């Protein structure tokens, strides 16, 4: 587990490099996507800290937050209406908070992206939701997964799988940030890292 945490931290540093690069324009839509990518990366870092300190139940809850942040990042870019972009780009006050409460749920955002987002960007999100959403929701809401694992212990294999799943979402975030630069070479170079770091990334269709 220590070695996997080390490799995960190395991979995260490369994702953070994508966060530092400027996007290809300064539109509100891209700004919102960039902000949500930053939130997703913060959750990824938090998940690793929680795993390293033995707070395993919390780490699984944070993994769901990480995934949600990435979905929102892509939704803002590919599918959000101009009105939705305007609502969330507004300065925070009581009035704008009320308007922003009507944000679509995660399933609806994924549906709205169908036919708009590239298939190779949307498919991993749909797969993650299919196999991981329900157990992660159980950890968030104090369901049977949280009760059973917290009381009886976490198998090492599950903890490793959790970390790899977080790395996978982090990788998708980094690749999306690379796309936002508008530079195909940056995107290609980051995509090649999936092969270099495949030892700390998930195989798809693994259930948590």
Protein backbone atom coordinates (compact mmCIF):
# COMPACT_ATOMS: atom_id res chain seq x y z
CA UNK A 1 0.00 0.00 0.00
CA UNK A 2 2.85 2.41 0.79
CA UNK A 3 4.36 1.87 -2.65
CA UNK A 4 0.98 2.43 -4.29
CA UNK A 5 0.52 5.65 -2.34
CA UNK A 6 3.93 6.82 -3.52
CA UNK A 7 3.16 6.09 -7.16
CA UNK A 8 -0.22 7.77 -6.77
CA UNK A 9 1.42 10.90 -5.39
CA UNK A 10 3.83 10.96 -8.34
CA UNK A 11 0.93 10.67 -10.77
CA UNK A 12 -0.96 13.43 -9.00
CA UNK A 13 2.00 15.78 -9.45
CA UNK A 14 1.65 15.31 -13.20
CA UNK A 15 -2.08 16.01 -13.00
CA UNK A 16 -1.33 19.19 -11.06
CA UNK A 17 0.95 20.32 -13.90
CA UNK A 18 -2.11 20.26 -16.18
CA UNK A 19 -3.97 22.45 -13.70
CA UNK A 20 -1.25 25.11 -13.99
CA UNK A 21 -1.53 25.39 -17.77
CA UNK A 22 -3.74 28.14 -19.23
CA UNK A 23 -6.93 27.14 -21.01
CA UNK A 24 -7.38 28.02 -24.66
CA UNK A 25 -9.81 30.83 -23.86
CA UNK A 26 -11.14 32.73 -20.86
CA UNK A 27 -14.86 32.06 -21.26
CA UNK A 28 -17.02 31.57 -18.17
CA UNK A 29 -17.85 28.05 -19.33
CA UNK A 30 -14.19 27.02 -19.36
CA UNK A 31 -13.49 28.87 -16.11
CA UNK A 32 -16.19 26.83 -14.37
CA UNK A 33 -14.84 23.59 -15.83
CA UNK A 34 -11.34 24.49 -14.68
CA UNK A 35 -12.53 25.31 -11.16
CA UNK A 36 -14.37 22.00 -10.84
CA UNK A 37 -11.29 20.13 -12.06
CA UNK A 38 -9.34 21.86 -9.30
CA UNK A 39 -11.97 20.75 -6.78
CA UNK A 40 -11.74 17.17 -8.07
CA UNK A 41 -7.95 17.19 -7.67
CA UNK A 42 -8.30 18.53 -4.12
CA UNK A 43 -10.63 15.63 -3.31
CA UNK A 44 -8.12 13.19 -4.82
CA UNK A 45 -5.38 14.52 -2.57
CA UNK A 46 -7.71 14.30 0.43
CA UNK A 47 -8.60 10.70 -0.39
CA UNK A 48 -4.91 9.74 -0.31
CA UNK A 49 -4.35 11.53 3.00
CA UNK A 50 -7.35 9.75 4.53
CA UNK A 51 -6.17 6.37 3.27
CA UNK A 52 -2.66 6.98 4.59
CA UNK A 53 -3.98 7.92 8.04
CA UNK A 54 -6.38 5.00 8.33
CA UNK A 55 -9.62 6.97 7.87
CA UNK A 56 -10.87 4.50 5.29
CA UNK A 57 -14.63 5.14 5.51
CA UNK A 58 -14.11 8.85 4.95
CA UNK A 59 -11.79 8.20 2.01
CA UNK A 60 -14.55 6.32 0.19
CA UNK A 61 -16.97 9.17 0.75
CA UNK A 62 -14.45 11.62 -0.67
CA UNK A 63 -14.00 9.42 -3.75
CA UNK A 64 -17.65 10.00 -4.60
CA UNK A 65 -17.19 13.76 -4.17
CA UNK A 66 -14.17 13.58 -6.47
CA UNK A 67 -16.18 11.82 -9.15
CA UNK A 68 -19.07 14.27 -8.85
CA UNK A 69 -16.71 17.23 -9.27
CA UNK A 70 -15.29 15.78 -12.47
CA UNK A 71 -18.76 15.10 -13.91
CA UNK A 72 -19.72 18.69 -13.21
CA UNK A 73 -16.55 19.93 -14.88
CA UNK A 74 -17.39 18.09 -18.08
CA UNK A 75 -21.06 19.02 -17.89
CA UNK A 76 -20.22 22.72 -17.69
CA UNK A 77 -18.07 22.40 -20.80
CA UNK A 78 -20.12 20.08 -22.98
CA UNK A 79 -23.77 20.30 -21.97
CA UNK A 80 -24.67 23.14 -19.58
CA UNK A 81 -26.96 25.77 -21.04
CA UNK A 82 -25.75 29.35 -21.26
CA UNK A 83 -28.25 30.17 -18.50
CA UNK A 84 -26.75 27.53 -16.21
CA UNK A 85 -23.26 28.83 -16.89
CA UNK A 86 -24.45 32.35 -16.06
CA UNK A 87 -26.03 31.16 -12.80
CA UNK A 88 -22.90 29.44 -11.53
CA UNK A 89 -20.49 32.10 -12.70
CA UNK A 90 -22.34 34.77 -10.70
CA UNK A 91 -20.97 36.14 -7.44
CA UNK A 92 -22.30 34.29 -4.40
CA UNK A 93 -25.18 35.95 -2.55
CA UNK A 94 -28.61 34.89 -1.27
CA UNK A 95 -30.29 35.46 -4.64
CA UNK A 96 -27.68 33.65 -6.76
CA UNK A 97 -27.55 30.80 -4.26
CA UNK A 98 -31.29 30.19 -4.73
CA UNK A 99 -30.95 30.23 -8.51
CA UNK A 100 -28.06 27.75 -8.42
CA UNK A 101 -30.03 25.26 -6.32
CA UNK A 102 -31.77 24.08 -9.47
CA UNK A 103 -28.62 22.38 -10.76
CA UNK A 104 -29.44 18.99 -12.37
CA UNK A 105 -28.59 15.79 -10.52
CA UNK A 106 -25.57 13.76 -11.59
CA UNK A 107 -27.54 11.22 -13.65
CA UNK A 108 -29.22 14.02 -15.59
CA UNK A 109 -25.88 15.69 -16.27
CA UNK A 110 -24.51 12.44 -17.69
CA UNK A 111 -27.62 12.05 -19.86
CA UNK A 112 -27.30 15.63 -21.14
CA UNK A 113 -23.70 14.93 -22.20
CA UNK A 114 -24.68 12.01 -24.42
CA UNK A 115 -24.13 12.98 -28.04
CA UNK A 116 -22.23 16.10 -26.98
CA UNK A 117 -19.19 14.89 -25.05
CA UNK A 118 -16.70 12.60 -26.85
CA UNK A 119 -17.52 8.93 -26.31
CA UNK A 120 -14.06 8.21 -24.89
CA UNK A 121 -14.66 10.92 -22.26
CA UNK A 122 -18.21 9.92 -21.35
CA UNK A 123 -17.89 6.11 -21.31
CA UNK A 124 -15.49 5.93 -18.33
CA UNK A 125 -17.81 8.19 -16.33
CA UNK A 126 -20.81 6.00 -17.13
CA UNK A 127 -18.85 2.89 -16.23
CA UNK A 128 -17.69 4.35 -12.93
CA UNK A 129 -21.26 5.28 -12.05
CA UNK A 130 -22.61 1.86 -13.00
CA UNK A 131 -20.18 -0.12 -10.86
CA UNK A 132 -19.27 2.24 -8.02
CA UNK A 133 -22.04 4.77 -7.42
CA UNK A 134 -24.31 2.67 -5.18
CA UNK A 135 -21.61 1.41 -2.78
CA UNK A 136 -20.04 4.89 -2.59
CA UNK A 137 -23.46 6.36 -1.81
CA UNK A 138 -23.75 3.80 0.98
CA UNK A 139 -20.53 5.12 2.51
CA UNK A 140 -21.78 8.71 2.20
CA UNK A 141 -25.16 8.01 3.82
CA UNK A 142 -24.13 5.53 6.52
CA UNK A 143 -25.53 2.52 4.69
CA UNK A 144 -24.69 -1.16 4.97
CA UNK A 145 -21.30 -0.77 3.26
CA UNK A 146 -20.18 1.82 5.80
CA UNK A 147 -21.52 -0.19 8.76
CA UNK A 148 -20.03 -3.50 7.65
CA UNK A 149 -16.61 -2.24 6.56
CA UNK A 150 -16.13 0.18 9.46
CA UNK A 151 -17.02 -2.46 12.04
CA UNK A 152 -15.34 -5.50 10.50
CA UNK A 153 -12.35 -3.89 8.81
CA UNK A 154 -11.22 -3.12 5.28
CA UNK A 155 -9.42 -5.72 3.18
CA UNK A 156 -6.18 -4.42 1.73
CA UNK A 157 -7.43 -5.28 -1.75
CA UNK A 158 -10.42 -2.95 -1.28
CA UNK A 159 -8.19 -0.11 -0.09
CA UNK A 160 -5.88 -0.55 -3.07
CA UNK A 161 -8.88 -0.63 -5.39
CA UNK A 162 -10.20 2.58 -3.82
CA UNK A 163 -6.88 4.33 -4.35
CA UNK A 164 -6.64 3.15 -7.94
CA UNK A 165 -10.22 4.30 -8.59
CA UNK A 166 -9.33 7.74 -7.25
CA UNK A 167 -6.23 7.78 -9.46
CA UNK A 168 -8.39 6.87 -12.42
CA UNK A 169 -10.71 9.81 -11.81
CA UNK A 170 -7.64 11.99 -11.30
CA UNK A 171 -6.29 10.81 -14.64
CA UNK A 172 -9.54 11.67 -16.39
CA UNK A 173 -9.37 15.10 -14.76
CA UNK A 174 -5.81 15.67 -15.93
CA UNK A 175 -6.65 14.59 -19.47
CA UNK A 176 -9.67 16.91 -19.57
CA UNK A 177 -7.49 19.78 -18.37
CA UNK A 178 -5.02 18.93 -21.13
CA UNK A 179 -7.85 19.12 -23.66
CA UNK A 180 -8.86 22.52 -22.27
CA UNK A 181 -5.43 23.89 -23.24
CA UNK A 182 -6.40 23.47 -26.88
CA UNK A 183 -2.97 21.96 -27.56
CA UNK A 184 -3.22 18.44 -29.06
CA UNK A 185 0.39 17.66 -28.11
CA UNK A 186 -0.29 18.39 -24.44
CA UNK A 187 -3.32 16.12 -24.54
CA UNK A 188 -1.42 13.35 -26.33
CA UNK A 189 1.53 13.53 -23.92
CA UNK A 190 -0.76 13.30 -20.91
CA UNK A 191 -2.70 10.43 -22.45
CA UNK A 192 0.55 8.50 -22.79
CA UNK A 193 0.93 8.67 -19.00
CA UNK A 194 -1.97 6.23 -18.67
CA UNK A 195 0.39 3.53 -19.93
CA UNK A 196 3.35 4.66 -17.86
CA UNK A 197 1.29 4.63 -14.65
CA UNK A 198 -1.02 1.73 -15.40
CA UNK A 199 0.24 -0.02 -12.23
CA UNK A 200 -1.58 2.56 -10.10
CA UNK A 201 -4.68 2.93 -12.29
CA UNK A 202 -7.83 0.79 -12.23
CA UNK A 203 -9.01 -1.85 -14.57
CA UNK A 204 -12.54 -0.98 -15.55
CA UNK A 205 -15.63 -2.80 -14.28
CA UNK A 206 -14.29 -3.29 -10.77
CA UNK A 207 -16.97 -2.96 -8.14
CA UNK A 208 -16.19 -1.26 -4.83
